[in-house]
Amino acid sequence: MPFSAVLPVSRAIDDALAFAARHTKRAEAATLRIAVGLSGGRDSMVLLDALSRAASAHGVSLSSVHVHHGLSPHADRWAEFCAAECARRAVPLTVHRVKVEDAAALGLEAAARAARYAVFEAVDADFVALAHHAGDQAETLLLQLLRGAGPHGLAAMPLVRPLQRDGMLLRPFLALPGAAIEAYARARELAWVDDESNAVTTLKRNFLRHEVAPRLAAAFPGYPATLARAAAHQGEAAALLDDLAAIDARETLVASADPAGALDRRAFVHLASRAPHRARNLLRWFLRRHGLRAPSAARLDAMLRQLVEAPGDARVRLAHDGVEIGIHRGHIRIHPPATAPFAVAWHGEPALLLPHGTLEFAPIEGAGLAASRVANASVVIRPRVGGERIRVNPGRPQQAVKRLLQTAGIPHWQRDALPLVWCGERLAAVPGLGVDVVFAAGAGEPGFELKWQPAMTE
């Protein structure tokens, strides 16, 4: 086996493991846990082989994860191949079968990627290692250019990025050309599987790989390293933009119930009036902070205009990436979308699952919804539609639910999402406001305390 053929990959692995040891979030851990994202293709097999050879010397506990998309008639055989190759190297393997959803809306490539990365996000390891190389990075940059992306998109794939479970995603081969990986595979006489979909040039990445990249490589000898380097430059530019947004956020970002915070609208409007480009940058940063994708340039301009020009505390609802952006009491906030109409009957269950959360009926004595008043009644849970009235204080008349919610300082999106408890044709209770005096439990009387738990939005 020619030593020169395996040297570039071995060096890349040693560098990546040294980096991982320095940057693991579990500083007290004696053993570094790395999981290989294993498709069974050539590049991931090289990554598995190289890491398995280096693991013991670097004190690494190695495992692997294979995502079974079910899109190919050969998918079962690929999973079996991965299991056999991992067993040969004494590397534990977990196979995750996923359902690729939203393919019509996202496209098959993007939908499969989303399903795959959802698995990686949940892996219990310090690092999930993927085998993307410089050629993949160049293709990603080209795709982002053709989408009109800004610096964050043109930065393409980062060497490392955080995952949800306190782990990180790591790409050891990102600076290596595909030829170096192929040379290692041949020298080590590795076996791998070929995904037939990789030859389908109607898929955009495959078109670039088979039709465009070879011509670029022939005309520009530095390809793909030059484009990978350009992506790195864009990564630095994106980091500088984030630093600028963080500076602007000192005057605009305020604490809220959401850990990602809200924006002070007055300060945001002032920033937009003197430096619109910085306001756009801050808004992009704010959306990313909430885990949301960046909108198109035209959509971002429209959002900025509405957030700045809306009068007073106008009821602004800007739908984006499964949430809404709104204004409440001088703050720009991210909140769940409007609740669709529903009507769910309650038959005495301790908790009722609603489309957007869970309403608990916790037993209590001398307070809450009187058990005797609802025992044989028709109880239905519905959202607000407007015009509801309730009497929660024996010394006062009925009051409009809308006014009570406004007085309590509850944002309009939370008001609209509240599940109202109706007993027959009478409003009996509103979580967070109270129980109508007609339905309230008296001293020593069994009752139910209402506890509303909205569903978490992703």
Protein backbone atom coordinates (compact mmCIF):
# COMPACT_ATOMS: atom_id res chain seq x y z
CA MET A 1 0.00 0.00 0.00
CA PRO A 2 1.65 3.28 -1.10
CA PHE A 3 2.10 5.48 1.96
CA SER A 4 1.71 8.64 -0.13
CA ALA A 5 -1.79 7.54 -1.16
CA VAL A 6 -3.13 7.45 2.40
CA LEU A 7 -1.10 10.33 3.87
CA PRO A 8 -3.44 13.26 3.00
CA VAL A 9 -6.47 11.50 4.51
CA SER A 10 -4.52 10.36 7.57
CA ARG A 11 -3.27 13.89 8.20
CA ALA A 12 -6.78 15.31 7.80
CA ILE A 13 -8.09 12.80 10.34
CA ASP A 14 -5.29 13.54 12.83
CA ASP A 15 -5.95 17.29 12.48
CA ALA A 16 -9.70 16.81 12.89
CA LEU A 17 -9.31 14.65 16.00
CA ALA A 18 -6.90 17.13 17.54
CA PHE A 19 -9.41 19.90 16.81
CA ALA A 20 -12.26 17.84 18.29
CA ALA A 21 -10.27 17.17 21.47
CA ARG A 22 -9.68 20.91 21.93
CA HIS A 23 -13.26 21.95 21.20
CA THR A 24 -15.43 19.27 22.75
CA LYS A 25 -18.13 20.68 25.02
CA ARG A 26 -17.44 17.92 27.55
CA ALA A 27 -14.05 19.16 28.71
CA GLU A 28 -14.06 16.76 31.64
CA ALA A 29 -14.62 13.69 29.46
CA ALA A 30 -11.76 11.21 29.21
CA THR A 31 -13.06 9.67 25.97
CA LEU A 32 -14.14 11.58 22.88
CA ARG A 33 -17.33 10.18 21.33
CA ILE A 34 -17.51 10.42 17.54
CA ALA A 35 -20.27 9.01 15.32
CA VAL A 36 -19.65 8.58 11.59
CA GLY A 37 -22.52 9.48 9.28
CA LEU A 38 -22.23 6.38 7.11
CA SER A 39 -24.06 6.12 3.79
CA GLY A 40 -21.92 3.25 2.50
CA GLY A 41 -20.60 5.36 -0.38
CA ARG A 42 -16.91 5.76 -1.13
CA ASP A 43 -16.32 8.95 0.84
CA SER A 44 -18.08 7.83 4.00
CA MET A 45 -16.33 4.44 3.86
CA VAL A 46 -12.97 6.23 3.72
CA LEU A 47 -14.02 8.29 6.73
CA LEU A 48 -15.08 5.18 8.65
CA ASP A 49 -11.88 3.32 7.78
CA ALA A 50 -9.55 6.22 8.59
CA LEU A 51 -11.27 7.05 11.87
CA SER A 52 -11.36 3.42 12.98
CA ARG A 53 -7.59 3.19 12.40
CA ALA A 54 -6.90 6.38 14.37
CA ALA A 55 -9.48 6.05 17.12
CA SER A 56 -7.48 4.16 19.72
CA ALA A 57 -4.42 6.41 19.40
CA HIS A 58 -6.57 9.50 20.01
CA GLY A 59 -8.73 8.03 22.77
CA VAL A 60 -11.87 8.08 20.64
CA SER A 61 -14.99 6.00 21.19
CA LEU A 62 -16.19 5.47 17.63
CA SER A 63 -19.68 4.59 16.45
CA SER A 64 -21.63 5.06 13.23
CA VAL A 65 -25.13 5.95 12.10
CA HIS A 66 -26.79 4.98 8.83
CA VAL A 67 -29.91 6.77 7.61
CA HIS A 68 -32.24 4.46 5.65
CA HIS A 69 -34.28 6.83 3.44
CA GLY A 70 -36.24 4.05 1.74
CA LEU A 71 -36.00 5.84 -1.61
CA SER A 72 -34.04 3.19 -3.48
CA PRO A 73 -34.90 -0.48 -4.04
CA HIS A 74 -31.33 -1.17 -2.85
CA ALA A 75 -31.72 0.67 0.47
CA ASP A 76 -31.96 -2.52 2.54
CA ARG A 77 -28.82 -3.91 0.90
CA TRP A 78 -26.93 -0.68 1.66
CA ALA A 79 -27.90 -0.92 5.34
CA GLU A 80 -26.71 -4.54 5.42
CA PHE A 81 -23.43 -3.54 3.76
CA CYS A 82 -22.83 -0.82 6.35
CA ALA A 83 -23.58 -3.26 9.17
CA ALA A 84 -21.08 -5.77 7.80
CA GLU A 85 -18.33 -3.19 7.30
CA CYS A 86 -18.83 -1.77 10.79
CA ALA A 87 -18.76 -5.27 12.29
CA ARG A 88 -15.42 -5.92 10.56
CA ARG A 89 -14.00 -2.89 12.35
CA ALA A 90 -15.83 -3.49 15.66
CA VAL A 91 -17.64 -0.17 15.29
CA PRO A 92 -21.23 -0.09 16.64
CA LEU A 93 -23.82 0.89 14.03
CA THR A 94 -27.30 2.32 14.45
CA VAL A 95 -29.67 2.25 11.47
CA HIS A 96 -32.40 4.88 11.39
CA ARG A 97 -35.32 4.36 9.03
CA VAL A 98 -36.85 7.71 8.07
CA LYS A 99 -39.78 8.88 6.00
CA VAL A 100 -38.86 11.58 3.52
CA GLU A 101 -41.61 14.18 3.79
CA ASP A 102 -42.39 17.45 1.99
CA ALA A 103 -40.59 16.27 -1.16
CA ALA A 104 -43.12 18.12 -3.35
CA ALA A 105 -42.54 21.40 -1.54
CA LEU A 106 -38.81 21.16 -0.84
CA GLY A 107 -37.60 18.97 -3.69
CA LEU A 108 -36.39 15.41 -3.20
CA GLU A 109 -32.77 16.37 -2.47
CA ALA A 110 -33.68 18.91 0.19
CA ALA A 111 -36.36 16.72 1.77
CA ALA A 112 -33.99 13.74 2.05
CA ARG A 113 -31.31 16.00 3.48
CA ALA A 114 -33.75 17.37 6.07
CA ALA A 115 -34.67 13.84 7.17
CA ARG A 116 -31.01 12.86 7.36
CA TYR A 117 -29.94 15.87 9.38
CA ALA A 118 -32.86 15.42 11.78
CA VAL A 119 -31.27 12.08 12.67
CA PHE A 120 -27.81 13.62 13.07
CA GLU A 121 -29.26 16.31 15.36
CA ALA A 122 -30.43 13.61 17.77
CA VAL A 123 -27.25 11.49 17.86
CA ASP A 124 -25.81 11.19 21.37
CA ALA A 125 -22.15 11.93 20.62
CA ASP A 126 -19.65 14.74 20.99
CA PHE A 127 -19.22 14.94 17.21
CA VAL A 128 -21.03 13.56 14.17
CA ALA A 129 -18.42 13.25 11.41
CA LEU A 130 -19.43 13.62 7.75
CA ALA A 131 -17.32 12.96 4.68
CA HIS A 132 -17.93 16.10 2.62
CA HIS A 133 -14.80 17.16 0.72
CA ALA A 134 -13.61 20.17 -1.28
CA GLY A 135 -15.54 19.11 -4.38
CA ASP A 136 -18.76 18.97 -2.37
CA GLN A 137 -17.94 22.38 -0.93
CA ALA A 138 -17.42 23.87 -4.38
CA GLU A 139 -20.75 22.42 -5.57
CA THR A 140 -22.52 23.87 -2.56
CA LEU A 141 -21.02 27.30 -3.23
CA LEU A 142 -22.16 27.14 -6.87
CA LEU A 143 -25.68 26.12 -5.83
CA GLN A 144 -25.85 29.00 -3.37
CA LEU A 145 -24.58 31.46 -5.98
CA LEU A 146 -27.29 30.33 -8.38
CA ARG A 147 -29.87 30.87 -5.64
CA GLY A 148 -28.64 34.43 -5.11
CA ALA A 149 -27.50 33.73 -1.55
CA GLY A 150 -25.66 36.22 0.65
CA PRO A 151 -22.43 35.68 2.62
CA HIS A 152 -23.97 33.16 5.05
CA GLY A 153 -25.16 30.99 2.18
CA LEU A 154 -21.97 31.44 0.18
CA ALA A 155 -19.95 30.27 3.18
CA ALA A 156 -21.38 26.86 2.17
CA MET A 157 -20.61 24.07 4.64
CA PRO A 158 -18.70 24.91 7.82
CA LEU A 159 -15.91 22.71 9.14
CA VAL A 160 -17.83 22.44 12.40
CA ARG A 161 -21.22 23.58 13.64
CA PRO A 162 -23.25 22.93 16.79
CA LEU A 163 -26.01 20.33 17.02
CA GLN A 164 -29.05 20.37 19.29
CA ARG A 165 -27.90 17.75 21.79
CA ASP A 166 -24.77 19.63 22.85
CA GLY A 167 -22.81 17.85 20.15
CA MET A 168 -21.19 19.21 17.00
CA LEU A 169 -21.07 18.37 13.31
CA LEU A 170 -17.53 17.87 11.98
CA ARG A 171 -16.29 17.57 8.39
CA PRO A 172 -12.65 16.37 8.48
CA PHE A 173 -12.27 16.18 4.67
CA LEU A 174 -13.56 19.63 3.77
CA ALA A 175 -10.17 20.85 2.51
CA LEU A 176 -9.32 17.62 0.66
CA PRO A 177 -9.97 17.08 -3.07
CA GLY A 178 -12.02 14.07 -4.05
CA ALA A 179 -8.94 12.60 -5.75
CA ALA A 180 -7.17 12.23 -2.39
CA ILE A 181 -10.13 10.33 -0.97
CA GLU A 182 -10.32 8.09 -4.02
CA ALA A 183 -6.58 7.36 -3.78
CA TYR A 184 -7.00 6.30 -0.14
CA ALA A 185 -9.94 4.05 -1.03
CA ARG A 186 -7.97 2.31 -3.80
CA ALA A 187 -4.83 1.94 -1.70
CA ARG A 188 -6.78 0.42 1.20
CA GLU A 189 -8.83 -1.74 -1.23
CA LEU A 190 -12.07 -0.55 0.34
CA ALA A 191 -15.48 -1.69 -0.79
CA TRP A 192 -18.38 0.73 -1.10
CA VAL A 193 -21.85 1.03 -2.61
CA ASP A 194 -22.94 3.28 -5.46
CA ASP A 195 -26.22 5.16 -5.14
CA GLU A 196 -27.83 5.08 -8.57
CA SER A 197 -29.47 8.46 -7.91
CA ASN A 198 -26.03 10.09 -8.02
CA ALA A 199 -26.11 9.69 -11.80
CA VAL A 200 -29.47 11.44 -12.25
CA THR A 201 -28.51 14.81 -13.74
CA THR A 202 -32.00 16.25 -13.38
CA LEU A 203 -31.03 16.73 -9.73
CA LYS A 204 -29.26 20.09 -9.47
CA ARG A 205 -26.20 18.96 -7.51
CA ASN A 206 -25.66 15.99 -9.81
CA PHE A 207 -25.93 18.28 -12.83
CA LEU A 208 -23.17 20.48 -11.44
CA ARG A 209 -21.07 17.45 -10.53
CA HIS A 210 -21.29 15.69 -13.90
CA GLU A 211 -21.82 18.49 -16.40
CA VAL A 212 -20.24 21.63 -14.92
CA ALA A 213 -17.47 20.64 -12.50
CA PRO A 214 -15.38 18.66 -15.04
CA ARG A 215 -15.32 21.66 -17.40
CA LEU A 216 -14.38 24.02 -14.58
CA ALA A 217 -11.58 21.69 -13.50
CA ALA A 218 -10.27 21.51 -17.09
CA ALA A 219 -10.33 25.27 -17.57
CA PHE A 220 -9.24 26.29 -14.05
CA PRO A 221 -6.55 23.95 -12.63
CA GLY A 222 -7.13 25.26 -9.10
CA TYR A 223 -10.71 23.96 -9.02
CA PRO A 224 -12.23 22.96 -6.58
CA ALA A 225 -9.75 24.27 -3.98
CA THR A 226 -10.17 27.87 -5.16
CA LEU A 227 -13.94 27.76 -4.66
CA ALA A 228 -13.56 26.08 -1.29
CA ARG A 229 -11.21 28.91 -0.35
CA ALA A 230 -13.76 31.47 -1.59
CA ALA A 231 -16.37 29.82 0.67
CA ALA A 232 -14.00 30.23 3.60
CA HIS A 233 -13.64 33.95 2.79
CA GLN A 234 -17.43 34.25 2.74
CA GLY A 235 -17.54 32.51 6.10
CA GLU A 236 -15.30 35.22 7.55
CA ALA A 237 -17.47 37.93 5.99
CA ALA A 238 -20.57 36.31 7.47
CA ALA A 239 -18.92 36.19 10.89
CA LEU A 240 -18.15 39.93 10.62
CA LEU A 241 -21.79 40.64 9.72
CA ASP A 242 -22.87 38.67 12.79
CA ASP A 243 -20.45 40.68 14.92
CA LEU A 244 -21.97 43.90 13.55
CA ALA A 245 -25.48 42.61 14.25
CA ALA A 246 -24.46 41.77 17.82
CA ILE A 247 -23.24 45.36 18.25
CA ASP A 248 -26.55 46.72 16.93
CA ALA A 249 -28.43 44.26 19.14
CA ARG A 250 -27.02 45.96 22.25
CA GLU A 251 -29.47 48.79 21.62
CA THR A 252 -32.35 46.75 20.19
CA LEU A 253 -32.47 43.24 21.67
CA VAL A 254 -34.62 42.92 24.78
CA ALA A 255 -35.48 40.01 27.06
CA SER A 256 -38.75 38.15 26.48
CA ALA A 257 -40.40 34.84 27.30
CA ASP A 258 -38.51 33.41 24.32
CA PRO A 259 -34.83 32.84 25.24
CA ALA A 260 -33.87 34.25 21.82
CA GLY A 261 -35.38 37.59 22.83
CA ALA A 262 -37.34 40.31 21.05
CA LEU A 263 -36.41 43.58 19.34
CA ASP A 264 -37.26 47.00 20.72
CA ARG A 265 -39.25 48.46 17.84
CA ARG A 266 -38.37 52.11 18.49
CA ALA A 267 -34.64 51.36 18.46
CA PHE A 268 -35.08 49.15 15.38
CA VAL A 269 -36.93 51.92 13.51
CA HIS A 270 -34.19 54.38 14.44
CA LEU A 271 -31.52 51.99 13.11
CA ALA A 272 -33.49 51.48 9.88
CA SER A 273 -33.82 55.23 9.35
CA ARG A 274 -30.08 55.90 9.55
CA ALA A 275 -28.65 52.63 8.22
CA PRO A 276 -31.18 50.39 6.39
CA HIS A 277 -28.47 47.90 5.46
CA ARG A 278 -27.63 47.38 9.14
CA ALA A 279 -31.32 46.98 9.98
CA ARG A 280 -31.62 44.28 7.30
CA ASN A 281 -28.51 42.59 8.66
CA LEU A 282 -29.90 42.75 12.20
CA LEU A 283 -33.23 41.28 11.09
CA ARG A 284 -31.48 38.38 9.34
CA TRP A 285 -29.42 37.80 12.50
CA PHE A 286 -32.55 37.95 14.67
CA LEU A 287 -34.31 35.33 12.52
CA ARG A 288 -31.28 33.01 12.61
CA ARG A 289 -31.15 33.48 16.39
CA HIS A 290 -34.66 32.02 16.49
CA GLY A 291 -33.56 29.09 14.31
CA LEU A 292 -35.32 30.37 11.20
CA ARG A 293 -34.14 30.35 7.62
CA ALA A 294 -33.22 33.62 5.95
CA PRO A 295 -35.89 35.03 3.62
CA SER A 296 -35.15 36.17 0.08
CA ALA A 297 -33.86 39.71 -0.36
CA ALA A 298 -37.24 40.90 -1.68
CA ARG A 299 -39.11 39.23 1.17
CA LEU A 300 -36.69 40.67 3.74
CA ASP A 301 -37.20 44.19 2.33
CA ALA A 302 -40.99 43.75 2.55
CA MET A 303 -40.74 42.51 6.15
CA LEU A 304 -38.49 45.42 7.10
CA ARG A 305 -40.86 47.94 5.52
CA GLN A 306 -43.91 46.57 7.33
CA LEU A 307 -42.16 46.35 10.70
CA VAL A 308 -40.90 49.92 10.39
CA GLU A 309 -43.91 51.62 8.82
CA ALA A 310 -46.78 49.92 10.69
CA PRO A 311 -48.60 52.52 12.83
CA GLY A 312 -48.35 52.25 16.61
CA ASP A 313 -49.09 48.78 17.94
CA ALA A 314 -50.68 47.61 14.70
CA ARG A 315 -51.61 43.96 14.42
CA VAL A 316 -48.69 42.91 12.22
CA ARG A 317 -48.51 39.25 11.25
CA LEU A 318 -45.68 38.32 8.90
CA ALA A 319 -45.65 34.60 8.13
CA HIS A 320 -42.19 33.11 7.73
CA ASP A 321 -40.73 29.60 8.02
CA GLY A 322 -43.63 28.18 10.02
CA VAL A 323 -43.93 31.07 12.50
CA GLU A 324 -45.18 34.65 12.52
CA ILE A 325 -43.35 37.90 13.21
CA GLY A 326 -45.50 40.40 15.05
CA ILE A 327 -45.46 43.59 17.12
CA HIS A 328 -46.71 43.75 20.70
CA ARG A 329 -46.33 46.65 23.12
CA GLY A 330 -43.38 48.14 21.29
CA HIS A 331 -41.53 44.88 20.73
CA ILE A 332 -40.93 42.84 17.56
CA ARG A 333 -41.45 39.20 18.48
CA ILE A 334 -41.49 35.73 16.96
CA HIS A 335 -44.58 33.70 17.79
CA PRO A 336 -46.52 30.63 16.62
CA PRO A 337 -48.89 31.01 13.67
CA ALA A 338 -52.59 31.71 14.14
CA THR A 339 -54.55 28.77 15.51
CA ALA A 340 -56.94 27.03 13.14
CA PRO A 341 -60.54 26.61 14.36
CA PHE A 342 -61.18 23.52 16.48
CA ALA A 343 -63.83 22.08 18.80
CA VAL A 344 -62.84 19.22 21.12
CA ALA A 345 -65.22 17.60 23.59
CA TRP A 346 -64.05 16.91 27.15
CA HIS A 347 -65.29 13.75 28.88
CA GLY A 348 -63.42 14.00 32.16
CA GLU A 349 -59.90 13.18 30.95
CA PRO A 350 -57.05 14.49 33.13
CA ALA A 351 -55.50 16.10 30.03
CA LEU A 352 -56.92 16.98 26.66
CA LEU A 353 -54.65 17.06 23.61
CA LEU A 354 -55.50 19.98 21.34
CA PRO A 355 -54.06 20.82 17.91
CA HIS A 356 -51.64 23.34 19.42
CA GLY A 357 -51.04 22.18 22.99
CA THR A 358 -52.40 20.34 26.03
CA LEU A 359 -55.10 21.49 28.43
CA GLU A 360 -54.82 19.81 31.83
CA PHE A 361 -57.70 19.39 34.29
CA ALA A 362 -55.87 18.99 37.61
CA PRO A 363 -58.03 17.92 40.61
CA ILE A 364 -58.22 20.59 43.30
CA GLU A 365 -60.46 21.35 46.27
CA GLY A 366 -62.30 24.62 46.82
CA ALA A 367 -61.17 26.25 43.60
CA GLY A 368 -61.25 25.93 39.84
CA LEU A 369 -64.03 24.50 37.69
CA ALA A 370 -66.66 22.84 39.91
CA ALA A 371 -66.77 19.11 39.22
CA SER A 372 -70.48 19.01 40.01
CA ARG A 373 -71.32 21.61 37.35
CA VAL A 374 -69.54 19.80 34.52
CA ALA A 375 -70.14 16.17 35.53
CA ASN A 376 -73.12 15.60 33.23
CA ALA A 377 -72.82 18.64 30.99
CA SER A 378 -71.69 18.97 27.38
CA VAL A 379 -68.22 20.49 27.73
CA VAL A 380 -66.42 21.63 24.57
CA ILE A 381 -63.07 23.38 24.16
CA ARG A 382 -62.92 26.04 21.42
CA PRO A 383 -60.68 29.02 20.56
CA ARG A 384 -61.78 32.64 20.75
CA VAL A 385 -63.81 34.05 17.90
CA GLY A 386 -64.57 37.43 19.45
CA GLY A 387 -67.40 38.82 21.57
CA GLU A 388 -67.03 36.36 24.48
CA ARG A 389 -67.88 37.57 27.98
CA ILE A 390 -67.22 36.08 31.40
CA ARG A 391 -67.78 36.98 35.06
CA VAL A 392 -64.77 35.89 37.09
CA ASN A 393 -65.36 38.21 40.07
CA PRO A 394 -68.56 37.86 42.15
CA GLY A 395 -68.57 41.59 42.84
CA ARG A 396 -68.46 42.66 39.21
CA PRO A 397 -70.62 42.16 36.11
CA GLN A 398 -69.64 40.15 33.04
CA GLN A 399 -66.68 41.56 31.16
CA ALA A 400 -65.38 41.13 27.63
CA VAL A 401 -62.74 38.41 27.47
CA LYS A 402 -60.79 40.52 24.96
CA ARG A 403 -60.52 43.43 27.42
CA LEU A 404 -59.50 41.16 30.30
CA LEU A 405 -56.76 39.62 28.16
CA GLN A 406 -55.52 43.03 27.04
CA THR A 407 -55.46 44.26 30.64
CA ALA A 408 -53.43 41.19 31.58
CA GLY A 409 -50.85 42.14 28.92
CA ILE A 410 -51.23 38.91 26.96
CA PRO A 411 -50.04 39.26 23.32
CA HIS A 412 -52.75 38.87 20.69
CA TRP A 413 -51.30 35.61 19.32
CA GLN A 414 -51.46 34.05 22.79
CA ARG A 415 -55.01 35.38 23.24
CA ASP A 416 -56.17 33.79 20.02
CA ALA A 417 -54.56 30.48 20.94
CA LEU A 418 -56.15 30.19 24.40
CA PRO A 419 -58.57 27.24 24.68
CA LEU A 420 -61.91 28.41 26.06
CA VAL A 421 -64.01 25.97 28.10
CA TRP A 422 -67.70 26.03 27.17
CA CYS A 423 -70.41 24.29 29.17
CA GLY A 424 -73.36 24.02 26.83
CA GLU A 425 -73.84 27.53 25.40
CA ARG A 426 -72.16 29.27 28.35
CA LEU A 427 -68.48 30.23 28.62
CA ALA A 428 -67.32 28.50 31.81
CA ALA A 429 -63.60 29.21 32.04
CA VAL A 430 -60.60 30.79 30.34
CA PRO A 431 -57.14 29.44 31.31
CA GLY A 432 -55.09 32.23 32.82
CA LEU A 433 -58.13 34.43 33.50
CA GLY A 434 -60.34 32.31 35.70
CA VAL A 435 -63.66 30.50 36.02
CA ASP A 436 -67.08 32.10 35.62
CA VAL A 437 -68.69 32.47 39.07
CA VAL A 438 -71.58 30.22 37.99
CA PHE A 439 -69.14 27.33 37.41
CA ALA A 440 -66.61 28.04 40.18
CA ALA A 441 -66.08 25.45 42.93
CA GLY A 442 -67.02 26.59 46.43
CA ALA A 443 -65.17 26.02 49.69
CA GLY A 444 -64.44 22.31 50.20
CA GLU A 445 -65.97 21.42 46.84
CA PRO A 446 -64.06 19.25 44.32
CA GLY A 447 -62.91 21.12 41.26
CA PHE A 448 -60.50 21.15 38.34
CA GLU A 449 -57.62 23.60 37.96
CA LEU A 450 -57.01 24.45 34.30
CA LYS A 451 -53.40 24.36 33.14
CA TRP A 452 -52.67 25.33 29.54
CA GLN A 453 -49.40 24.08 27.99
CA PRO A 454 -48.87 25.38 24.43
CA ALA A 455 -47.00 23.09 22.09
CA MET A 456 -43.37 24.00 21.46
CA THR A 457 -42.74 25.28 17.94
CA GLU A 458 -39.65 24.02 16.09
